[in-house]
Structure formats: structure tokens, C-alpha cells
N, C-alpha and C. Protein backbone atom coordinates (compact mmCIF):
# COMPACT_ATOMS: atom_id res chain seq x y z
N MET A 1 114.66 -21.39 -37.17
CA MET A 1 115.40 -19.82 -35.78
C MET A 1 116.26 -18.18 -37.42
N GLY A 2 115.64 -18.02 -37.32
CA GLY A 2 115.52 -16.67 -38.83
C GLY A 2 116.91 -16.36 -38.16
N LEU A 3 117.75 -15.71 -39.36
CA LEU A 3 118.80 -15.60 -39.64
C LEU A 3 118.98 -13.94 -37.34
N PRO A 4 119.94 -13.07 -37.54
CA PRO A 4 120.50 -12.17 -36.52
C PRO A 4 119.56 -11.06 -37.19
N VAL A 5 119.22 -10.06 -36.75
CA VAL A 5 119.29 -8.65 -37.21
C VAL A 5 120.19 -7.64 -36.78
N ILE A 6 121.41 -7.39 -37.77
CA ILE A 6 122.43 -6.43 -37.40
C ILE A 6 122.00 -5.24 -38.19
N PRO A 7 121.83 -4.23 -36.37
CA PRO A 7 121.68 -2.55 -36.55
C PRO A 7 122.66 -2.38 -37.54
N GLU A 8 122.21 -1.32 -37.73
CA GLU A 8 123.05 -0.40 -39.11
C GLU A 8 123.61 1.10 -37.69
N LYS A 9 124.72 0.60 -37.83
CA LYS A 9 125.38 2.27 -37.48
C LYS A 9 126.48 2.99 -37.26
N THR A 10 126.93 3.91 -37.06
CA THR A 10 127.76 4.62 -38.02
C THR A 10 128.94 4.41 -37.40
N GLN A 11 130.23 4.61 -38.15
CA GLN A 11 131.38 3.99 -37.96
C GLN A 11 132.46 4.33 -36.27
N PRO A 12 131.48 5.67 -35.46
CA PRO A 12 131.13 5.90 -34.38
C PRO A 12 131.33 5.38 -33.60
N GLU A 13 129.90 4.54 -33.81
CA GLU A 13 128.89 4.00 -32.86
C GLU A 13 129.35 2.91 -33.04
N ALA A 14 129.45 2.23 -33.38
CA ALA A 14 130.36 0.78 -34.04
C ALA A 14 131.78 1.08 -32.53
N PHE A 15 132.61 2.04 -32.83
CA PHE A 15 133.49 2.60 -32.07
C PHE A 15 133.39 2.80 -30.40
N THR A 16 132.55 2.81 -30.80
CA THR A 16 131.76 3.20 -28.79
C THR A 16 131.58 1.86 -28.58
N ASP A 17 131.13 1.34 -29.03
CA ASP A 17 130.66 0.16 -28.78
C ASP A 17 131.65 -0.96 -28.17
N LEU A 18 132.49 -1.27 -29.18
CA LEU A 18 133.46 -1.85 -28.87
C LEU A 18 134.17 -1.34 -28.27
N LEU A 19 134.65 0.06 -27.91
CA LEU A 19 135.64 0.12 -26.39
C LEU A 19 134.39 -0.26 -25.30
N GLU A 20 133.59 0.10 -25.50
CA GLU A 20 132.45 -0.45 -23.81
C GLU A 20 132.49 -1.62 -24.07
N SER A 21 132.05 -2.77 -24.88
CA SER A 21 132.64 -4.39 -24.71
C SER A 21 133.79 -4.04 -23.94
N ILE A 22 135.23 -3.96 -24.45
CA ILE A 22 136.32 -4.34 -23.57
C ILE A 22 136.67 -3.82 -22.48
N ALA A 23 135.94 -3.39 -22.66
CA ALA A 23 136.25 -2.23 -20.53
C ALA A 23 135.03 -3.18 -20.07
N LEU A 24 133.68 -3.71 -20.59
CA LEU A 24 132.89 -4.62 -19.31
C LEU A 24 134.17 -5.50 -19.56
N GLU A 25 134.58 -6.20 -20.78
CA GLU A 25 134.81 -7.64 -21.01
C GLU A 25 136.27 -7.02 -19.53
N GLU A 26 137.17 -6.29 -18.99
CA GLU A 26 137.71 -6.06 -18.04
C GLU A 26 137.49 -5.91 -16.68
N VAL A 27 136.42 -4.88 -16.48
CA VAL A 27 135.64 -5.01 -15.75
C VAL A 27 135.78 -7.09 -15.00
N GLY A 28 134.95 -7.43 -16.06
CA GLY A 28 134.70 -9.28 -15.62
C GLY A 28 135.67 -9.54 -15.37
N LEU A 29 136.50 -9.34 -15.72
CA LEU A 29 138.05 -10.07 -15.09
C LEU A 29 138.99 -9.46 -14.30
N ALA A 30 138.38 -8.41 -14.10
CA ALA A 30 139.09 -8.26 -13.18
C ALA A 30 138.35 -8.78 -11.67
N HIS A 31 136.90 -8.85 -11.44
CA HIS A 31 136.26 -9.31 -11.00
C HIS A 31 136.32 -10.89 -10.84
N LEU A 32 137.14 -11.68 -11.23
CA LEU A 32 137.30 -13.57 -11.29
C LEU A 32 138.84 -12.99 -10.64
N ILE A 33 139.88 -12.95 -10.37
CA ILE A 33 140.87 -11.21 -10.15
C ILE A 33 140.25 -12.45 -8.82
N ASN A 34 139.87 -11.44 -8.52
CA ASN A 34 139.58 -10.53 -6.52
C ASN A 34 138.79 -11.85 -5.99
N ALA A 35 138.09 -12.42 -6.77
CA ALA A 35 137.10 -13.13 -6.43
C ALA A 35 138.46 -14.42 -5.89
N GLU A 36 139.52 -14.14 -7.29
CA GLU A 36 140.47 -16.15 -5.84
C GLU A 36 141.17 -15.19 -5.55
N ALA A 37 141.25 -13.54 -5.31
CA ALA A 37 142.59 -13.85 -4.52
C ALA A 37 141.98 -13.77 -3.65
N GLU A 38 141.62 -13.29 -3.27
CA GLU A 38 139.98 -13.43 -2.07
C GLU A 38 139.98 -14.51 -0.79
N LYS A 39 140.59 -15.94 -2.01
CA LYS A 39 140.37 -17.13 -1.53
C LYS A 39 141.33 -17.76 -1.67
N VAL A 40 142.48 -16.81 -1.63
CA VAL A 40 143.55 -17.45 -1.36
C VAL A 40 144.10 -16.75 -0.22
N LEU A 41 143.40 -16.26 0.30
CA LEU A 41 144.30 -14.56 1.74
C LEU A 41 143.13 -15.31 2.26
N GLY A 42 142.19 -15.61 1.94
CA GLY A 42 141.68 -16.29 3.28
C GLY A 42 140.12 -15.38 4.11
N SER A 43 140.39 -13.96 2.96
CA SER A 43 139.53 -12.64 3.17
C SER A 43 137.78 -13.24 4.31
């Protein structure tokens, strides 16, 4: 297995990717919290 290829990005592209990653992580956490709330409330 070789080293991963990391594409070159401009600073604005990297910043956009970082923000998108954070947003997707927050959506995932929101789904988990919602699922747990539904289990507790029995909906």
C-alpha cells in the first residue's frame, strides 16, 4: 500500500472543504441525537 495522494488545493478551497466537513459532522450528530430522543420518547 502506497502513500495517499493529497491533491493540491488553494486556501479558499481548503477552507470550504473544512467548513463542509464540520457541517456534515454536525448533521450526523444531530441524527444520532434525534434517534436517541425518539427511543426515549417512544415515538
